[in-house]
Amino acid sequence: MEIIFREMPHTYDEVVMGHKLWFPESIESDVISATANIDGFTPLSAISRKYGWRNDLLTAASAQCNIRNEIAVIKELTPTLLLVPSTKSKGNTDFLIKDLIKAANAVKADVLNFTPFGFIQNKLPINEIQSILDVLFDENFKSSIRVIIWDIDFRFKKEMKQMWALKNSKM
């Protein structure tokens, strides 16, 4: 599996207001994952605007995803959407990344656009990202995913590169 880090730029207004207004499409992706938060100017609402998705469907699916604390699969959308519960750095990251991979395998994902870290409000959730990398680098890890396009907030590119380099040096 190849992981491509995609630096996500933001407008001045997005950074100052803490609102995500636009989303650049990853044309290669057949599946996209996003945090289950459609309230306001969130990354999911920006993604929804980009693809012309119905917010009533996303509102209901996001609510169920967060209540159940598990991945929600919405195959009716193009690209297929995998909703990730909102953890606010307090969730079970290992369980959720494994659940995300199972959901991606179930829909036979080839190229997954992984967006949860594309717009970060406070500090980079290092422990969550390390847990995700641990799962992805596990030699027992099996997936239909050929490529992960991992969106990373441009403000945290340096830290992400350092974590990636450290992880790769241990391999």
C-alpha atoms as a PDB file:
ATOM      1  CA  MET A   1       0.000   0.000   0.000  1.00  0.00           C
ATOM      2  CA  GLU A   2       1.207   3.443  -0.910  1.00  0.00           C
ATOM      3  CA  ILE A   3       0.506   6.447   1.327  1.00  0.00           C
ATOM      4  CA  ILE A   4       0.554   9.872  -0.301  1.00  0.00           C
ATOM      5  CA  PHE A   5       0.410  12.875   2.020  1.00  0.00           C
ATOM      6  CA  ARG A   6      -1.580  15.682   0.440  1.00  0.00           C
ATOM      7  CA  GLU A   7      -0.946  19.091   1.930  1.00  0.00           C
ATOM      8  CA  MET A   8      -4.265  20.858   2.449  1.00  0.00           C
ATOM      9  CA  PRO A   9      -4.107  24.623   2.070  1.00  0.00           C
ATOM     10  CA  HIS A  10      -6.657  26.888   3.726  1.00  0.00           C
ATOM     11  CA  THR A  11      -7.721  30.421   3.037  1.00  0.00           C
ATOM     12  CA  TYR A  12      -6.949  33.153   5.540  1.00  0.00           C
ATOM     13  CA  ASP A  13     -10.654  33.333   6.403  1.00  0.00           C
ATOM     14  CA  GLU A  14     -10.855  29.575   7.050  1.00  0.00           C
ATOM     15  CA  VAL A  15      -7.935  29.729   9.488  1.00  0.00           C
ATOM     16  CA  VAL A  16      -9.148  32.841  11.325  1.00  0.00           C
ATOM     17  CA  MET A  17     -12.798  31.752  11.562  1.00  0.00           C
ATOM     18  CA  GLY A  18     -12.064  28.051  12.098  1.00  0.00           C
ATOM     19  CA  HIS A  19     -14.486  27.205   9.277  1.00  0.00           C
ATOM     20  CA  LYS A  20     -13.698  24.926   6.332  1.00  0.00           C
ATOM     21  CA  LEU A  21     -15.254  26.492   3.265  1.00  0.00           C
ATOM     22  CA  TRP A  22     -13.920  24.492   0.313  1.00  0.00           C
ATOM     23  CA  PHE A  23     -12.499  21.070  -0.462  1.00  0.00           C
ATOM     24  CA  PRO A  24     -10.166  20.172  -3.341  1.00  0.00           C
ATOM     25  CA  GLU A  25     -11.271  16.947  -4.963  1.00  0.00           C
ATOM     26  CA  SER A  26      -8.928  13.982  -5.117  1.00  0.00           C
ATOM     27  CA  ILE A  27      -9.908  12.754  -8.578  1.00  0.00           C
ATOM     28  CA  GLU A  28      -8.235   9.361  -8.110  1.00  0.00           C
ATOM     29  CA  SER A  29     -10.275   8.441  -5.018  1.00  0.00           C
ATOM     30  CA  ASP A  30     -13.139   5.989  -5.192  1.00  0.00           C
ATOM     31  CA  VAL A  31     -13.737   6.196  -1.427  1.00  0.00           C
ATOM     32  CA  ILE A  32     -13.457   9.149   0.930  1.00  0.00           C
ATOM     33  CA  SER A  33     -13.377   9.123   4.721  1.00  0.00           C
ATOM     34  CA  ALA A  34     -14.404  12.099   6.818  1.00  0.00           C
ATOM     35  CA  THR A  35     -15.202  12.930  10.419  1.00  0.00           C
ATOM     36  CA  ALA A  36     -18.943  12.629  11.121  1.00  0.00           C
ATOM     37  CA  ASN A  37     -19.642  16.301  11.796  1.00  0.00           C
ATOM     38  CA  ILE A  38     -21.927  18.095   9.366  1.00  0.00           C
ATOM     39  CA  ASP A  39     -22.899  20.954  11.715  1.00  0.00           C
ATOM     40  CA  GLY A  40     -21.655  24.291  10.401  1.00  0.00           C
ATOM     41  CA  PHE A  41     -18.639  24.908   8.205  1.00  0.00           C
ATOM     42  CA  THR A  42     -16.867  21.610   8.838  1.00  0.00           C
ATOM     43  CA  PRO A  43     -14.660  19.576   6.500  1.00  0.00           C
ATOM     44  CA  LEU A  44     -17.606  17.201   5.895  1.00  0.00           C
ATOM     45  CA  SER A  45     -19.877  20.089   4.910  1.00  0.00           C
ATOM     46  CA  ALA A  46     -17.150  21.379   2.530  1.00  0.00           C
ATOM     47  CA  ILE A  47     -16.838  17.889   1.021  1.00  0.00           C
ATOM     48  CA  SER A  48     -20.631  17.688   0.730  1.00  0.00           C
ATOM     49  CA  ARG A  49     -20.753  21.002  -1.126  1.00  0.00           C
ATOM     50  CA  LYS A  50     -17.989  19.860  -3.480  1.00  0.00           C
ATOM     51  CA  TYR A  51     -19.841  16.686  -4.475  1.00  0.00           C
ATOM     52  CA  GLY A  52     -23.397  18.036  -4.239  1.00  0.00           C
ATOM     53  CA  TRP A  53     -24.465  15.569  -1.539  1.00  0.00           C
ATOM     54  CA  ARG A  54     -27.720  15.930   0.445  1.00  0.00           C
ATOM     55  CA  ASN A  55     -27.120  17.210   3.962  1.00  0.00           C
ATOM     56  CA  ASP A  56     -30.213  15.469   5.388  1.00  0.00           C
ATOM     57  CA  LEU A  57     -28.635  12.092   4.610  1.00  0.00           C
ATOM     58  CA  LEU A  58     -25.299  13.193   6.097  1.00  0.00           C
ATOM     59  CA  THR A  59     -26.949  14.611   9.217  1.00  0.00           C
ATOM     60  CA  ALA A  60     -28.757  11.345   9.972  1.00  0.00           C
ATOM     61  CA  ALA A  61     -25.719   9.183   9.142  1.00  0.00           C
ATOM     62  CA  SER A  62     -23.367  11.379  11.210  1.00  0.00           C
ATOM     63  CA  ALA A  63     -25.670  11.188  14.227  1.00  0.00           C
ATOM     64  CA  GLN A  64     -25.828   7.373  14.037  1.00  0.00           C
ATOM     65  CA  CYS A  65     -22.087   7.109  13.450  1.00  0.00           C
ATOM     66  CA  ASN A  66     -21.319   9.175  16.559  1.00  0.00           C
ATOM     67  CA  ILE A  67     -23.924   7.403  18.728  1.00  0.00           C
ATOM     68  CA  ARG A  68     -22.611   3.962  17.761  1.00  0.00           C
ATOM     69  CA  ASN A  69     -18.956   5.072  17.756  1.00  0.00           C
ATOM     70  CA  GLU A  70     -18.227   3.044  14.637  1.00  0.00           C
ATOM     71  CA  ILE A  71     -17.634   3.680  10.938  1.00  0.00           C
ATOM     72  CA  ALA A  72     -20.717   4.388   8.839  1.00  0.00           C
ATOM     73  CA  VAL A  73     -20.668   3.407   5.155  1.00  0.00           C
ATOM     74  CA  ILE A  74     -22.727   5.440   2.678  1.00  0.00           C
ATOM     75  CA  LYS A  75     -22.549   3.615  -0.643  1.00  0.00           C
ATOM     76  CA  GLU A  76     -25.288   5.737  -2.222  1.00  0.00           C
ATOM     77  CA  LEU A  77     -22.823   8.613  -2.642  1.00  0.00           C
ATOM     78  CA  THR A  78     -20.088   9.034  -5.225  1.00  0.00           C
ATOM     79  CA  PRO A  79     -17.395   8.621  -4.169  1.00  0.00           C
ATOM     80  CA  THR A  80     -18.437   6.203  -1.436  1.00  0.00           C
ATOM     81  CA  LEU A  81     -18.295   7.920   1.950  1.00  0.00           C
ATOM     82  CA  LEU A  82     -16.933   6.351   5.126  1.00  0.00           C
ATOM     83  CA  LEU A  83     -17.887   8.433   8.160  1.00  0.00           C
ATOM     84  CA  VAL A  84     -15.542   8.316  11.149  1.00  0.00           C
ATOM     85  CA  PRO A  85     -16.971   9.136  14.603  1.00  0.00           C
ATOM     86  CA  SER A  86     -15.908  12.444  16.080  1.00  0.00           C
ATOM     87  CA  THR A  87     -13.387  11.537  18.797  1.00  0.00           C
ATOM     88  CA  LYS A  88     -11.987  14.916  19.856  1.00  0.00           C
ATOM     89  CA  SER A  89      -8.757  13.011  20.653  1.00  0.00           C
ATOM     90  CA  LYS A  90     -10.613  10.830  23.169  1.00  0.00           C
ATOM     91  CA  GLY A  91     -11.693   7.887  21.038  1.00  0.00           C
ATOM     92  CA  ASN A  92     -10.297   4.426  20.579  1.00  0.00           C
ATOM     93  CA  THR A  93      -8.086   5.159  17.590  1.00  0.00           C
ATOM     94  CA  ASP A  94      -6.895   1.561  17.129  1.00  0.00           C
ATOM     95  CA  PHE A  95     -10.455   0.272  16.965  1.00  0.00           C
ATOM     96  CA  LEU A  96     -11.589   3.054  14.624  1.00  0.00           C
ATOM     97  CA  ILE A  97      -8.731   2.730  12.105  1.00  0.00           C
ATOM     98  CA  LYS A  98      -9.235  -1.037  12.000  1.00  0.00           C
ATOM     99  CA  ASP A  99     -12.988  -0.505  11.576  1.00  0.00           C
ATOM    100  CA  LEU A 100     -12.269   2.008   8.797  1.00  0.00           C
ATOM    101  CA  ILE A 101     -10.027  -0.483   6.996  1.00  0.00           C
ATOM    102  CA  LYS A 102     -12.692  -3.213   7.339  1.00  0.00           C
ATOM    103  CA  ALA A 103     -15.292  -0.850   5.881  1.00  0.00           C
ATOM    104  CA  ALA A 104     -12.909   0.108   3.039  1.00  0.00           C
ATOM    105  CA  ASN A 105     -12.312  -3.578   2.328  1.00  0.00           C
ATOM    106  CA  ALA A 106     -16.074  -4.246   2.339  1.00  0.00           C
ATOM    107  CA  VAL A 107     -16.601  -1.658  -0.409  1.00  0.00           C
ATOM    108  CA  LYS A 108     -13.430  -2.807  -2.206  1.00  0.00           C
ATOM    109  CA  ALA A 109     -11.724   0.572  -1.922  1.00  0.00           C
ATOM    110  CA  ASP A 110      -8.813   1.072  -4.298  1.00  0.00           C
ATOM    111  CA  VAL A 111      -7.872   4.686  -3.540  1.00  0.00           C
ATOM    112  CA  LEU A 112      -8.981   6.085  -0.172  1.00  0.00           C
ATOM    113  CA  ASN A 113      -8.939   9.826   0.454  1.00  0.00           C
ATOM    114  CA  PHE A 114      -8.347  10.020   4.222  1.00  0.00           C
ATOM    115  CA  THR A 115      -9.488  13.510   5.288  1.00  0.00           C
ATOM    116  CA  PRO A 116      -9.764  13.596   9.123  1.00  0.00           C
ATOM    117  CA  PHE A 117      -6.485  15.506   9.530  1.00  0.00           C
ATOM    118  CA  GLY A 118      -6.921  17.932   6.636  1.00  0.00           C
ATOM    119  CA  PHE A 119      -8.239  20.785   8.802  1.00  0.00           C
ATOM    120  CA  ILE A 120      -7.053  20.801  12.405  1.00  0.00           C
ATOM    121  CA  GLN A 121      -8.439  23.332  14.859  1.00  0.00           C
ATOM    122  CA  ASN A 122      -5.916  23.168  17.679  1.00  0.00           C
ATOM    123  CA  LYS A 123      -2.828  21.004  17.882  1.00  0.00           C
ATOM    124  CA  LEU A 124      -1.846  17.970  15.847  1.00  0.00           C
ATOM    125  CA  PRO A 125      -3.251  14.826  17.553  1.00  0.00           C
ATOM    126  CA  ILE A 126       0.101  13.042  17.603  1.00  0.00           C
ATOM    127  CA  ASN A 127      -1.039  10.010  19.623  1.00  0.00           C
ATOM    128  CA  GLU A 128      -3.966   9.347  17.271  1.00  0.00           C
ATOM    129  CA  ILE A 129      -1.753   9.635  14.200  1.00  0.00           C
ATOM    130  CA  GLN A 130       0.906   7.357  15.736  1.00  0.00           C
ATOM    131  CA  SER A 131      -1.794   4.745  16.455  1.00  0.00           C
ATOM    132  CA  ILE A 132      -3.009   4.948  12.857  1.00  0.00           C
ATOM    133  CA  LEU A 133       0.528   4.583  11.498  1.00  0.00           C
ATOM    134  CA  ASP A 134       1.129   1.609  13.807  1.00  0.00           C
ATOM    135  CA  VAL A 135      -1.897  -0.174  12.330  1.00  0.00           C
ATOM    136  CA  LEU A 136      -0.987   0.700   8.732  1.00  0.00           C
ATOM    137  CA  PHE A 137       2.613  -0.472   9.218  1.00  0.00           C
ATOM    138  CA  ASP A 138       1.587  -3.725  10.902  1.00  0.00           C
ATOM    139  CA  GLU A 139       2.902  -6.589   8.759  1.00  0.00           C
ATOM    140  CA  ASN A 140      -0.332  -8.525   9.402  1.00  0.00           C
ATOM    141  CA  PHE A 141      -2.392  -5.657   8.007  1.00  0.00           C
ATOM    142  CA  LYS A 142      -4.344  -6.664   4.892  1.00  0.00           C
ATOM    143  CA  SER A 143      -6.433  -4.381   2.746  1.00  0.00           C
ATOM    144  CA  SER A 144      -7.925  -3.868  -0.691  1.00  0.00           C
ATOM    145  CA  ILE A 145      -6.645  -0.291  -0.497  1.00  0.00           C
ATOM    146  CA  ARG A 146      -3.864   0.285  -3.011  1.00  0.00           C
ATOM    147  CA  VAL A 147      -3.334   3.976  -2.200  1.00  0.00           C
ATOM    148  CA  ILE A 148      -4.245   6.198   0.746  1.00  0.00           C
ATOM    149  CA  ILE A 149      -4.302   9.889  -0.042  1.00  0.00           C
ATOM    150  CA  TRP A 150      -3.842  11.281   3.449  1.00  0.00           C
ATOM    151  CA  ASP A 151      -4.880  14.924   3.736  1.00  0.00           C
ATOM    152  CA  ILE A 152      -2.760  16.886   6.210  1.00  0.00           C
ATOM    153  CA  ASP A 153      -3.363  20.471   7.300  1.00  0.00           C
ATOM    154  CA  PHE A 154      -0.570  22.592   5.765  1.00  0.00           C
ATOM    155  CA  ARG A 155       0.123  24.118   9.195  1.00  0.00           C
ATOM    156  CA  PHE A 156       1.271  20.702  10.465  1.00  0.00           C
ATOM    157  CA  LYS A 157       3.221  19.456   7.451  1.00  0.00           C
ATOM    158  CA  LYS A 158       6.590  19.633   9.246  1.00  0.00           C
ATOM    159  CA  GLU A 159       5.371  17.628  12.261  1.00  0.00           C
ATOM    160  CA  MET A 160       3.744  15.018  10.029  1.00  0.00           C
ATOM    161  CA  LYS A 161       6.934  14.623   7.988  1.00  0.00           C
ATOM    162  CA  GLN A 162       8.897  14.126  11.217  1.00  0.00           C
ATOM    163  CA  MET A 163       6.481  11.444  12.466  1.00  0.00           C
ATOM    164  CA  TRP A 164       6.569   9.711   9.072  1.00  0.00           C
ATOM    165  CA  ALA A 165      10.378   9.762   8.973  1.00  0.00           C
ATOM    166  CA  LEU A 166      10.588   8.395  12.522  1.00  0.00           C
ATOM    167  CA  LYS A 167       8.123   5.604  11.701  1.00  0.00           C
ATOM    168  CA  ASN A 168       9.998   4.693   8.515  1.00  0.00           C
ATOM    169  CA  SER A 169      13.352   4.643  10.335  1.00  0.00           C
ATOM    170  CA  LYS A 170      12.024   1.963  12.699  1.00  0.00           C
ATOM    171  CA  MET A 171      11.029  -0.332   9.823  1.00  0.00           C
END
